[in-house]
Amino acid sequence: MKVLITGSEGFLGQNLKQLLLDNNYEVVDFDYKSNKMHDIRNASAFEKVVVDTVPDVCVHLAAIANLNHYDENLKDGNDINVNGSIGILKVCEKYKVRVVFASTCCCYGNNKLKVSNEESLVWPTEPYSQSKRKLELEIFKRNKTMKNSEKTIICRLATFYGSKLCRRALATSLFIEKIHKGLPITVHGDGSQHRTYTHVSDMCSGFLAILKGIEHDGHNLYEMYNITRSQPISVIEIIMEASKKLEKPAILKFVDDRDSQFDQLVIENKRLRELGWAPQYDFSSGMEEMVKSFLHEDPMGEWIL
C-alpha cells in the first residue's frame, strides 16, 4: 500500500512515516517545511503530487496544531485547518484516494460525561478543536454519498507525547525542560484538569491498525476511531511524574484557569482494540523514556522541535 502523509515532517508525521516504512509501506511526503509549495491550501500542488505518485490512502495530519498559535491568528487557522483540508478531501475524492483524517479528542470538550466514546456528545471549547469539528461535519456530509470502501475515516487523537522529535510546545516537553532548568511552571487553575495522554508510538500503531483494516476489509470499518489510552492524567500528576524522573523539584506558579478549559475523563478505545490495537506505554514508562532521551540528547532542550 502507498500512503501519502500530509504534515509528514511534524512530530506525529515523522514517527508515523518511520513506522510505515518499517512495515513495508510506501510513503509519499507532503509538508510545507520541506517544500513551500506543499501547503495544504495549495490544492493544485497537492493534486499534482497525487497524480504523480498515485497513493492508495492519504493520512491527513497537516494543520495548525498549537492551540496558542491558532488563537493568535484565527483567520489563518481556519484557512488551513478547515478550507485547506476541504481542498485535500476534494482532490482525494476526485482520484479515489481514501482519506484517514486526524481530528482530536478535544472535540468531546465540556460534554460533562465521565466516559466518552465515538458516539458521545461533542462540545469543543476552543477554536482549534472547533476547527476539527467543522471538518468532521464536512466529512460526514461527504461520506453519505460514498461507498463504504471509499469513506473518509476520522481519528480522534488524544494529546500525545514521546521522546523522538517531540514538539517543544507540548506540556510534557515544557515541564521537563523547566524542571531541569529550575524555572517556574505556570499552572492554570488548580492543575486538576485531565487529558488522556498517549505515547506517540501508540498513536502511530493506531493509524497502522486502521491502515491494515483498510487493506484487509475496507468495507466494514467505522467512520470514526478514538486513538487514545483510556486512563486520564492530571496536569499536577504530569508535573510530579516529570519531577520524579528528573529527581529535581518542580516550582509551581498558579494562575487563573483558562475560560475554555475542560476535563477529558475516560475516553473509550474499544473500536480500535477490535482491530487488534493495544497501547504499549503507560504514562510512567513513557515519561521515563522521554526524560532519558532529553538528558541524553540535549539537556538544554534543543532536541525538542
C-alpha atoms as a PDB file:
ATOM      1  CA  MET A   1       0.000   0.000   0.000  1.00  0.00           C
ATOM      2  CA  LYS A   2       1.184   3.505  -0.815  1.00  0.00           C
ATOM      3  CA  VAL A   3       0.350   6.152   1.809  1.00  0.00           C
ATOM      4  CA  LEU A   4       0.554   9.910   1.298  1.00  0.00           C
ATOM      5  CA  ILE A   5       1.080  11.755   4.590  1.00  0.00           C
ATOM      6  CA  THR A   6       0.272  15.455   4.843  1.00  0.00           C
ATOM      7  CA  GLY A   7       2.276  17.019   7.646  1.00  0.00           C
ATOM      8  CA  SER A   8       4.908  14.316   7.193  1.00  0.00           C
ATOM      9  CA  GLU A   9       7.661  16.448   8.792  1.00  0.00           C
ATOM     10  CA  GLY A  10       5.817  17.076  12.055  1.00  0.00           C
ATOM     11  CA  PHE A  11       6.191  15.218  15.342  1.00  0.00           C
ATOM     12  CA  LEU A  12       3.459  12.687  14.580  1.00  0.00           C
ATOM     13  CA  GLY A  13       4.193  12.633  10.844  1.00  0.00           C
ATOM     14  CA  GLN A  14       7.847  11.668  11.175  1.00  0.00           C
ATOM     15  CA  ASN A  15       7.118   8.950  13.715  1.00  0.00           C
ATOM     16  CA  LEU A  16       4.256   7.575  11.603  1.00  0.00           C
ATOM     17  CA  LYS A  17       6.356   7.649   8.451  1.00  0.00           C
ATOM     18  CA  GLN A  18       9.083   5.582  10.089  1.00  0.00           C
ATOM     19  CA  LEU A  19       6.623   3.015  11.417  1.00  0.00           C
ATOM     20  CA  LEU A  20       5.015   2.621   7.995  1.00  0.00           C
ATOM     21  CA  LEU A  21       8.389   2.211   6.293  1.00  0.00           C
ATOM     22  CA  ASP A  22       9.344  -0.404   8.889  1.00  0.00           C
ATOM     23  CA  ASN A  23       6.149  -2.268   7.937  1.00  0.00           C
ATOM     24  CA  ASN A  24       6.916  -2.203   4.196  1.00  0.00           C
ATOM     25  CA  TYR A  25       4.515   0.578   3.215  1.00  0.00           C
ATOM     26  CA  GLU A  26       5.458   3.065   0.540  1.00  0.00           C
ATOM     27  CA  VAL A  27       5.267   6.619   1.869  1.00  0.00           C
ATOM     28  CA  VAL A  28       4.782   9.886  -0.016  1.00  0.00           C
ATOM     29  CA  ASP A  29       5.674  13.125   1.808  1.00  0.00           C
ATOM     30  CA  PHE A  30       3.665  16.336   1.687  1.00  0.00           C
ATOM     31  CA  ASP A  31       4.827  19.029   4.084  1.00  0.00           C
ATOM     32  CA  TYR A  32       5.326  22.790   3.953  1.00  0.00           C
ATOM     33  CA  LYS A  33       8.526  22.505   5.992  1.00  0.00           C
ATOM     34  CA  SER A  34      10.386  20.593   3.276  1.00  0.00           C
ATOM     35  CA  ASN A  35       8.671  22.162   0.231  1.00  0.00           C
ATOM     36  CA  LYS A  36       6.992  25.574   0.411  1.00  0.00           C
ATOM     37  CA  MET A  37       4.655  24.542  -2.419  1.00  0.00           C
ATOM     38  CA  HIS A  38       3.327  21.742  -0.221  1.00  0.00           C
ATOM     39  CA  ASP A  39       0.930  23.950   1.706  1.00  0.00           C
ATOM     40  CA  ILE A  40      -2.450  22.220   2.110  1.00  0.00           C
ATOM     41  CA  ARG A  41      -4.087  25.459   0.957  1.00  0.00           C
ATOM     42  CA  ASN A  42      -2.399  24.850  -2.406  1.00  0.00           C
ATOM     43  CA  ALA A  43      -4.840  22.308  -3.834  1.00  0.00           C
ATOM     44  CA  SER A  44      -3.183  22.280  -7.253  1.00  0.00           C
ATOM     45  CA  ALA A  45       0.202  21.343  -5.762  1.00  0.00           C
ATOM     46  CA  PHE A  46      -1.452  18.586  -3.760  1.00  0.00           C
ATOM     47  CA  GLU A  47      -3.282  17.343  -6.843  1.00  0.00           C
ATOM     48  CA  LYS A  48      -0.004  17.172  -8.780  1.00  0.00           C
ATOM     49  CA  VAL A  49       1.553  15.017  -6.054  1.00  0.00           C
ATOM     50  CA  VAL A  50      -1.488  12.718  -6.084  1.00  0.00           C
ATOM     51  CA  VAL A  51      -1.380  12.394  -9.874  1.00  0.00           C
ATOM     52  CA  ASP A  52       2.386  11.804  -9.915  1.00  0.00           C
ATOM     53  CA  THR A  53       2.516   9.253  -7.091  1.00  0.00           C
ATOM     54  CA  VAL A  54      -0.940   7.542  -7.200  1.00  0.00           C
ATOM     55  CA  PRO A  55      -1.343   6.827  -3.467  1.00  0.00           C
ATOM     56  CA  ASP A  56      -3.921   4.404  -2.119  1.00  0.00           C
ATOM     57  CA  VAL A  57      -4.569   6.328   1.095  1.00  0.00           C
ATOM     58  CA  CYS A  58      -3.939   9.858   2.341  1.00  0.00           C
ATOM     59  CA  VAL A  59      -3.335  10.223   6.076  1.00  0.00           C
ATOM     60  CA  HIS A  60      -4.183  13.877   6.585  1.00  0.00           C
ATOM     61  CA  LEU A  61      -2.260  15.210   9.597  1.00  0.00           C
ATOM     62  CA  ALA A  62      -1.309  18.709   8.412  1.00  0.00           C
ATOM     63  CA  ALA A  63      -2.845  21.503  10.488  1.00  0.00           C
ATOM     64  CA  ILE A  64      -2.053  24.284  12.908  1.00  0.00           C
ATOM     65  CA  ALA A  65      -1.895  22.084  15.994  1.00  0.00           C
ATOM     66  CA  ASN A  66      -0.540  24.578  18.535  1.00  0.00           C
ATOM     67  CA  LEU A  67      -3.575  25.991  20.366  1.00  0.00           C
ATOM     68  CA  ASN A  68      -1.833  29.295  21.154  1.00  0.00           C
ATOM     69  CA  HIS A  69      -0.738  29.809  17.546  1.00  0.00           C
ATOM     70  CA  TYR A  70      -4.269  29.064  16.390  1.00  0.00           C
ATOM     71  CA  ASP A  71      -5.772  31.571  18.825  1.00  0.00           C
ATOM     72  CA  GLU A  72      -3.294  34.246  17.731  1.00  0.00           C
ATOM     73  CA  ASN A  73      -4.374  34.056  14.094  1.00  0.00           C
ATOM     74  CA  LEU A  74      -7.877  32.692  13.707  1.00  0.00           C
ATOM     75  CA  LYS A  75      -8.106  33.604  10.029  1.00  0.00           C
ATOM     76  CA  ASP A  76      -5.021  31.572   9.059  1.00  0.00           C
ATOM     77  CA  GLY A  77      -6.127  28.803  11.376  1.00  0.00           C
ATOM     78  CA  ASN A  78      -9.497  28.485   9.688  1.00  0.00           C
ATOM     79  CA  ASP A  79      -7.922  28.823   6.251  1.00  0.00           C
ATOM     80  CA  ILE A  80      -5.509  25.953   6.925  1.00  0.00           C
ATOM     81  CA  ASN A  81      -7.437  23.627   9.224  1.00  0.00           C
ATOM     82  CA  VAL A  82     -10.819  23.994   7.525  1.00  0.00           C
ATOM     83  CA  ASN A  83     -10.558  25.377   3.984  1.00  0.00           C
ATOM     84  CA  GLY A  84      -7.219  23.734   3.207  1.00  0.00           C
ATOM     85  CA  SER A  85      -8.457  20.403   4.492  1.00  0.00           C
ATOM     86  CA  ILE A  86     -11.623  20.598   2.391  1.00  0.00           C
ATOM     87  CA  GLY A  87      -9.348  21.056  -0.629  1.00  0.00           C
ATOM     88  CA  ILE A  88      -7.490  17.869   0.357  1.00  0.00           C
ATOM     89  CA  LEU A  89     -10.807  15.982   0.590  1.00  0.00           C
ATOM     90  CA  LYS A  90     -11.927  17.174  -2.831  1.00  0.00           C
ATOM     91  CA  VAL A  91      -8.719  16.121  -4.565  1.00  0.00           C
ATOM     92  CA  CYS A  92      -8.745  12.717  -2.880  1.00  0.00           C
ATOM     93  CA  GLU A  93     -12.377  12.157  -3.862  1.00  0.00           C
ATOM     94  CA  LYS A  94     -11.565  13.053  -7.459  1.00  0.00           C
ATOM     95  CA  TYR A  95      -8.792  10.448  -7.675  1.00  0.00           C
ATOM     96  CA  LYS A  96     -10.406   7.798  -5.437  1.00  0.00           C
ATOM     97  CA  VAL A  97      -7.789   8.119  -2.697  1.00  0.00           C
ATOM     98  CA  ARG A  98      -9.182   7.105   0.667  1.00  0.00           C
ATOM     99  CA  VAL A  99      -8.577   9.601   3.475  1.00  0.00           C
ATOM    100  CA  VAL A 100      -7.758   9.000   7.133  1.00  0.00           C
ATOM    101  CA  PHE A 101      -8.236  12.349   8.883  1.00  0.00           C
ATOM    102  CA  ALA A 102      -6.587  13.370  12.164  1.00  0.00           C
ATOM    103  CA  SER A 103      -9.165  15.062  14.386  1.00  0.00           C
ATOM    104  CA  THR A 104      -8.901  15.453  18.170  1.00  0.00           C
ATOM    105  CA  CYS A 105     -10.384  14.045  21.353  1.00  0.00           C
ATOM    106  CA  CYS A 106     -10.720  17.688  22.406  1.00  0.00           C
ATOM    107  CA  CYS A 107     -13.937  17.630  20.367  1.00  0.00           C
ATOM    108  CA  TYR A 108     -15.567  15.956  23.389  1.00  0.00           C
ATOM    109  CA  GLY A 109     -14.680  19.090  25.344  1.00  0.00           C
ATOM    110  CA  ASN A 110     -17.172  20.019  28.039  1.00  0.00           C
ATOM    111  CA  ASN A 111     -19.689  17.267  27.325  1.00  0.00           C
ATOM    112  CA  LYS A 112     -19.947  16.577  31.091  1.00  0.00           C
ATOM    113  CA  LEU A 113     -19.661  12.807  30.548  1.00  0.00           C
ATOM    114  CA  LYS A 114     -17.433  10.629  32.722  1.00  0.00           C
ATOM    115  CA  VAL A 115     -16.979   8.186  29.828  1.00  0.00           C
ATOM    116  CA  SER A 116     -16.973   9.220  26.161  1.00  0.00           C
ATOM    117  CA  ASN A 117     -16.971   7.073  23.044  1.00  0.00           C
ATOM    118  CA  GLU A 118     -17.180   7.861  19.335  1.00  0.00           C
ATOM    119  CA  GLU A 119     -20.948   8.361  19.544  1.00  0.00           C
ATOM    120  CA  SER A 120     -20.899  10.677  22.570  1.00  0.00           C
ATOM    121  CA  LEU A 121     -21.995  14.296  22.588  1.00  0.00           C
ATOM    122  CA  VAL A 122     -19.283  16.723  21.453  1.00  0.00           C
ATOM    123  CA  TRP A 123     -18.727  20.149  22.980  1.00  0.00           C
ATOM    124  CA  PRO A 124     -15.450  21.642  21.664  1.00  0.00           C
ATOM    125  CA  THR A 125     -14.465  24.709  23.669  1.00  0.00           C
ATOM    126  CA  GLU A 126     -11.518  26.327  21.884  1.00  0.00           C
ATOM    127  CA  PRO A 127     -11.022  27.464  18.252  1.00  0.00           C
ATOM    128  CA  TYR A 128      -8.608  24.627  17.422  1.00  0.00           C
ATOM    129  CA  SER A 129     -10.987  21.818  18.368  1.00  0.00           C
ATOM    130  CA  GLN A 130     -13.882  23.726  16.814  1.00  0.00           C
ATOM    131  CA  SER A 131     -11.971  23.753  13.507  1.00  0.00           C
ATOM    132  CA  LYS A 132     -11.547  19.990  13.718  1.00  0.00           C
ATOM    133  CA  ARG A 133     -15.242  19.563  14.421  1.00  0.00           C
ATOM    134  CA  LYS A 134     -16.098  21.623  11.320  1.00  0.00           C
ATOM    135  CA  LEU A 135     -14.084  19.138   9.259  1.00  0.00           C
ATOM    136  CA  GLU A 136     -15.781  16.192  10.917  1.00  0.00           C
ATOM    137  CA  LEU A 137     -19.177  17.571   9.923  1.00  0.00           C
ATOM    138  CA  GLU A 138     -17.949  18.172   6.371  1.00  0.00           C
ATOM    139  CA  ILE A 139     -16.682  14.603   6.215  1.00  0.00           C
ATOM    140  CA  PHE A 140     -19.964  13.135   7.484  1.00  0.00           C
ATOM    141  CA  LYS A 141     -21.790  15.060   4.770  1.00  0.00           C
ATOM    142  CA  ARG A 142     -19.457  13.839   2.030  1.00  0.00           C
ATOM    143  CA  ASN A 143     -19.419  10.257   3.313  1.00  0.00           C
ATOM    144  CA  LYS A 144     -23.172   9.993   2.789  1.00  0.00           C
ATOM    145  CA  THR A 145     -22.616   9.930  -0.985  1.00  0.00           C
ATOM    146  CA  MET A 146     -19.779   7.363  -0.898  1.00  0.00           C
ATOM    147  CA  LYS A 147     -19.452   3.607  -0.828  1.00  0.00           C
ATOM    148  CA  ASN A 148     -18.275   2.196   2.491  1.00  0.00           C
ATOM    149  CA  SER A 149     -14.909   1.323   0.972  1.00  0.00           C
ATOM    150  CA  GLU A 150     -14.356   4.960  -0.059  1.00  0.00           C
ATOM    151  CA  LYS A 151     -15.496   6.791   3.068  1.00  0.00           C
ATOM    152  CA  THR A 152     -13.093   9.032   4.951  1.00  0.00           C
ATOM    153  CA  ILE A 153     -12.167   7.685   8.382  1.00  0.00           C
ATOM    154  CA  ILE A 154     -11.932  10.187  11.232  1.00  0.00           C
ATOM    155  CA  CYS A 155      -9.406   9.560  14.004  1.00  0.00           C
ATOM    156  CA  ARG A 156      -9.909  11.481  17.211  1.00  0.00           C
ATOM    157  CA  LEU A 157      -6.434  11.725  18.697  1.00  0.00           C
ATOM    158  CA  ALA A 158      -5.539  12.086  22.349  1.00  0.00           C
ATOM    159  CA  THR A 159      -2.897  14.576  23.438  1.00  0.00           C
ATOM    160  CA  PHE A 160       0.314  12.746  22.589  1.00  0.00           C
ATOM    161  CA  TYR A 161       3.895  12.915  23.764  1.00  0.00           C
ATOM    162  CA  GLY A 162       7.142  10.988  23.362  1.00  0.00           C
ATOM    163  CA  SER A 163      10.889  11.289  23.133  1.00  0.00           C
ATOM    164  CA  LYS A 164      11.717  11.226  19.463  1.00  0.00           C
ATOM    165  CA  LEU A 165      11.257  14.589  17.711  1.00  0.00           C
ATOM    166  CA  CYS A 166       8.815  15.785  20.364  1.00  0.00           C
ATOM    167  CA  ARG A 167       7.229  19.217  19.964  1.00  0.00           C
ATOM    168  CA  ARG A 168       8.593  21.723  22.458  1.00  0.00           C
ATOM    169  CA  ALA A 169       5.179  23.362  22.916  1.00  0.00           C
ATOM    170  CA  LEU A 170       3.626  20.228  24.449  1.00  0.00           C
ATOM    171  CA  ALA A 171       3.053  20.333  28.211  1.00  0.00           C
ATOM    172  CA  THR A 172       5.160  17.224  28.818  1.00  0.00           C
ATOM    173  CA  SER A 173       8.122  18.781  26.983  1.00  0.00           C
ATOM    174  CA  LEU A 174       7.772  22.161  28.676  1.00  0.00           C
ATOM    175  CA  PHE A 175       7.500  20.648  32.144  1.00  0.00           C
ATOM    176  CA  ILE A 176      10.609  18.504  31.690  1.00  0.00           C
ATOM    177  CA  GLU A 177      12.635  21.420  30.351  1.00  0.00           C
ATOM    178  CA  LYS A 178      11.533  23.870  33.057  1.00  0.00           C
ATOM    179  CA  ILE A 179      12.087  21.452  35.927  1.00  0.00           C
ATOM    180  CA  HIS A 180      15.547  20.630  34.579  1.00  0.00           C
ATOM    181  CA  LYS A 181      16.444  24.335  34.321  1.00  0.00           C
ATOM    182  CA  GLY A 182      14.890  25.269  37.670  1.00  0.00           C
ATOM    183  CA  LEU A 183      12.298  27.530  36.057  1.00  0.00           C
ATOM    184  CA  PRO A 184       8.735  28.006  37.383  1.00  0.00           C
ATOM    185  CA  ILE A 185       5.875  26.170  35.697  1.00  0.00           C
ATOM    186  CA  THR A 186       2.679  28.157  35.149  1.00  0.00           C
ATOM    187  CA  VAL A 187      -0.324  26.088  36.233  1.00  0.00           C
ATOM    188  CA  HIS A 188      -3.794  27.247  35.183  1.00  0.00           C
ATOM    189  CA  GLY A 189      -6.384  26.798  37.898  1.00  0.00           C
ATOM    190  CA  ASP A 190      -5.528  24.099  40.421  1.00  0.00           C
ATOM    191  CA  GLY A 191      -3.918  21.747  37.902  1.00  0.00           C
ATOM    192  CA  SER A 192      -6.603  19.084  38.262  1.00  0.00           C
ATOM    193  CA  GLN A 193      -7.524  19.228  34.557  1.00  0.00           C
ATOM    194  CA  HIS A 194      -7.203  15.803  32.924  1.00  0.00           C
ATOM    195  CA  ARG A 195      -6.203  14.577  29.475  1.00  0.00           C
ATOM    196  CA  THR A 196      -5.778  11.048  28.144  1.00  0.00           C
ATOM    197  CA  TYR A 197      -2.087  11.451  27.297  1.00  0.00           C
ATOM    198  CA  THR A 198      -0.960   8.798  24.825  1.00  0.00           C
ATOM    199  CA  HIS A 199       2.564   7.962  23.684  1.00  0.00           C
ATOM    200  CA  VAL A 200       3.280   8.879  20.060  1.00  0.00           C
ATOM    201  CA  SER A 201       4.307   5.272  19.324  1.00  0.00           C
ATOM    202  CA  ASP A 202       0.861   4.087  20.431  1.00  0.00           C
ATOM    203  CA  MET A 203      -0.705   6.834  18.337  1.00  0.00           C
ATOM    204  CA  CYS A 204       1.204   5.634  15.262  1.00  0.00           C
ATOM    205  CA  SER A 205       0.339   1.994  15.857  1.00  0.00           C
ATOM    206  CA  GLY A 206      -3.317   3.087  15.989  1.00  0.00           C
ATOM    207  CA  PHE A 207      -3.026   4.552  12.499  1.00  0.00           C
ATOM    208  CA  LEU A 208      -1.244   1.385  11.365  1.00  0.00           C
ATOM    209  CA  ALA A 209      -4.107  -0.773  12.682  1.00  0.00           C
ATOM    210  CA  ILE A 210      -6.603   1.312  10.675  1.00  0.00           C
ATOM    211  CA  LEU A 211      -4.482   1.099   7.516  1.00  0.00           C
ATOM    212  CA  LYS A 212      -4.262  -2.670   7.914  1.00  0.00           C
ATOM    213  CA  GLY A 213      -8.038  -2.696   8.358  1.00  0.00           C
ATOM    214  CA  ILE A 214      -8.410  -0.819   5.075  1.00  0.00           C
ATOM    215  CA  GLU A 215      -6.162  -3.368   3.342  1.00  0.00           C
ATOM    216  CA  HIS A 216      -7.966  -6.341   4.841  1.00  0.00           C
ATOM    217  CA  ASP A 217     -11.592  -5.263   4.553  1.00  0.00           C
ATOM    218  CA  GLY A 218     -12.163  -1.590   3.913  1.00  0.00           C
ATOM    219  CA  HIS A 219     -15.945  -2.000   3.718  1.00  0.00           C
ATOM    220  CA  ASN A 220     -16.664  -2.700   7.382  1.00  0.00           C
ATOM    221  CA  LEU A 221     -14.660  -0.065   9.212  1.00  0.00           C
ATOM    222  CA  TYR A 222     -16.279   2.605  11.365  1.00  0.00           C
ATOM    223  CA  GLU A 223     -16.318   6.226  10.228  1.00  0.00           C
ATOM    224  CA  MET A 224     -14.580   7.238  13.449  1.00  0.00           C
ATOM    225  CA  TYR A 225     -11.988   5.836  15.858  1.00  0.00           C
ATOM    226  CA  ASN A 226     -10.585   7.221  19.091  1.00  0.00           C
ATOM    227  CA  ILE A 227      -6.810   6.732  19.277  1.00  0.00           C
ATOM    228  CA  THR A 228      -6.170   7.136  22.977  1.00  0.00           C
ATOM    229  CA  ARG A 229      -5.367   5.398  26.197  1.00  0.00           C
ATOM    230  CA  SER A 230      -8.482   5.312  28.321  1.00  0.00           C
ATOM    231  CA  GLN A 231      -6.868   6.440  31.562  1.00  0.00           C
ATOM    232  CA  PRO A 232      -6.711  10.218  32.135  1.00  0.00           C
ATOM    233  CA  ILE A 233      -3.900  12.020  33.948  1.00  0.00           C
ATOM    234  CA  SER A 234      -3.953  15.479  35.518  1.00  0.00           C
ATOM    235  CA  VAL A 235      -1.605  18.412  34.942  1.00  0.00           C
ATOM    236  CA  ILE A 236      -0.268  18.098  38.503  1.00  0.00           C
ATOM    237  CA  GLU A 237       0.330  14.370  38.038  1.00  0.00           C
ATOM    238  CA  ILE A 238       2.323  15.067  34.862  1.00  0.00           C
ATOM    239  CA  ILE A 239       4.472  17.611  36.692  1.00  0.00           C
ATOM    240  CA  MET A 240       5.056  15.281  39.628  1.00  0.00           C
ATOM    241  CA  GLU A 241       5.976  12.412  37.290  1.00  0.00           C
ATOM    242  CA  ALA A 242       8.479  14.608  35.430  1.00  0.00           C
ATOM    243  CA  SER A 243       9.926  15.832  38.736  1.00  0.00           C
ATOM    244  CA  LYS A 244      10.303  12.254  39.956  1.00  0.00           C
ATOM    245  CA  LYS A 245      12.032  11.072  36.776  1.00  0.00           C
ATOM    246  CA  LEU A 246      14.388  14.074  36.738  1.00  0.00           C
ATOM    247  CA  GLU A 247      14.987  13.832  40.501  1.00  0.00           C
ATOM    248  CA  LYS A 248      14.503  17.599  40.758  1.00  0.00           C
ATOM    249  CA  PRO A 249      11.779  19.660  42.457  1.00  0.00           C
ATOM    250  CA  ALA A 250       9.142  21.469  40.420  1.00  0.00           C
ATOM    251  CA  ILE A 251       8.491  25.165  41.050  1.00  0.00           C
ATOM    252  CA  LEU A 252       4.804  25.920  40.522  1.00  0.00           C
ATOM    253  CA  LYS A 253       3.154  29.263  39.785  1.00  0.00           C
ATOM    254  CA  PHE A 254      -0.649  29.066  39.934  1.00  0.00           C
ATOM    255  CA  VAL A 255      -2.709  31.471  37.799  1.00  0.00           C
ATOM    256  CA  ASP A 256      -6.395  31.797  36.895  1.00  0.00           C
ATOM    257  CA  ASP A 257      -7.782  28.980  34.772  1.00  0.00           C
ATOM    258  CA  ARG A 258      -8.496  29.450  31.073  1.00  0.00           C
ATOM    259  CA  ASP A 259     -12.113  30.226  30.156  1.00  0.00           C
ATOM    260  CA  SER A 260     -12.147  27.369  27.620  1.00  0.00           C
ATOM    261  CA  GLN A 261     -10.667  24.769  29.982  1.00  0.00           C
ATOM    262  CA  PHE A 262     -12.266  21.324  30.166  1.00  0.00           C
ATOM    263  CA  ASP A 263     -11.653  17.839  31.504  1.00  0.00           C
ATOM    264  CA  GLN A 264     -11.254  14.662  29.494  1.00  0.00           C
ATOM    265  CA  LEU A 265     -12.070  11.788  31.794  1.00  0.00           C
ATOM    266  CA  VAL A 266     -12.349   8.255  30.369  1.00  0.00           C
ATOM    267  CA  ILE A 267     -12.344   8.084  26.558  1.00  0.00           C
ATOM    268  CA  GLU A 268     -13.057   4.610  25.212  1.00  0.00           C
ATOM    269  CA  ASN A 269     -10.861   2.919  22.599  1.00  0.00           C
ATOM    270  CA  LYS A 270     -12.984  -0.214  22.137  1.00  0.00           C
ATOM    271  CA  ARG A 271     -13.364   0.220  18.366  1.00  0.00           C
ATOM    272  CA  LEU A 272      -9.622   0.445  17.827  1.00  0.00           C
ATOM    273  CA  ARG A 273      -8.984  -2.559  20.054  1.00  0.00           C
ATOM    274  CA  GLU A 274     -11.313  -4.534  17.783  1.00  0.00           C
ATOM    275  CA  LEU A 275      -8.654  -4.018  15.081  1.00  0.00           C
ATOM    276  CA  GLY A 276      -6.044  -5.636  17.332  1.00  0.00           C
ATOM    277  CA  TRP A 277      -4.561  -2.420  18.741  1.00  0.00           C
ATOM    278  CA  ALA A 278      -3.440  -2.019  22.328  1.00  0.00           C
ATOM    279  CA  PRO A 279      -1.276   0.740  23.870  1.00  0.00           C
ATOM    280  CA  GLN A 280       2.216  -0.373  24.840  1.00  0.00           C
ATOM    281  CA  TYR A 281       3.145   2.565  27.095  1.00  0.00           C
ATOM    282  CA  ASP A 282       1.696   3.522  30.447  1.00  0.00           C
ATOM    283  CA  PHE A 283       2.352   7.149  31.344  1.00  0.00           C
ATOM    284  CA  SER A 284       5.133   6.433  33.833  1.00  0.00           C
ATOM    285  CA  SER A 285       7.185   4.360  31.383  1.00  0.00           C
ATOM    286  CA  GLY A 286       6.537   6.865  28.622  1.00  0.00           C
ATOM    287  CA  MET A 287       7.800   9.763  30.749  1.00  0.00           C
ATOM    288  CA  GLU A 288      10.835   7.771  31.851  1.00  0.00           C
ATOM    289  CA  GLU A 289      11.775   7.216  28.195  1.00  0.00           C
ATOM    290  CA  MET A 290      11.162  10.885  27.427  1.00  0.00           C
ATOM    291  CA  VAL A 291      13.323  12.152  30.300  1.00  0.00           C
ATOM    292  CA  LYS A 292      16.175   9.779  29.439  1.00  0.00           C
ATOM    293  CA  SER A 293      16.057  10.940  25.847  1.00  0.00           C
ATOM    294  CA  PHE A 294      16.048  14.590  26.941  1.00  0.00           C
ATOM    295  CA  LEU A 295      19.052  14.165  29.229  1.00  0.00           C
ATOM    296  CA  HIS A 296      20.968  12.020  26.755  1.00  0.00           C
ATOM    297  CA  GLU A 297      20.391  14.006  23.582  1.00  0.00           C
ATOM    298  CA  ASP A 298      20.471  17.626  24.757  1.00  0.00           C
ATOM    299  CA  PRO A 299      19.762  18.756  28.324  1.00  0.00           C
ATOM    300  CA  MET A 300      19.264  22.346  27.086  1.00  0.00           C
ATOM    301  CA  GLY A 301      16.081  21.217  25.400  1.00  0.00           C
ATOM    302  CA  GLU A 302      17.127  21.959  21.835  1.00  0.00           C
ATOM    303  CA  TRP A 303      16.324  18.387  20.791  1.00  0.00           C
ATOM    304  CA  ILE A 304      12.656  19.297  21.014  1.00  0.00           C
ATOM    305  CA  LEU A 305      11.055  20.654  17.830  1.00  0.00           C
END
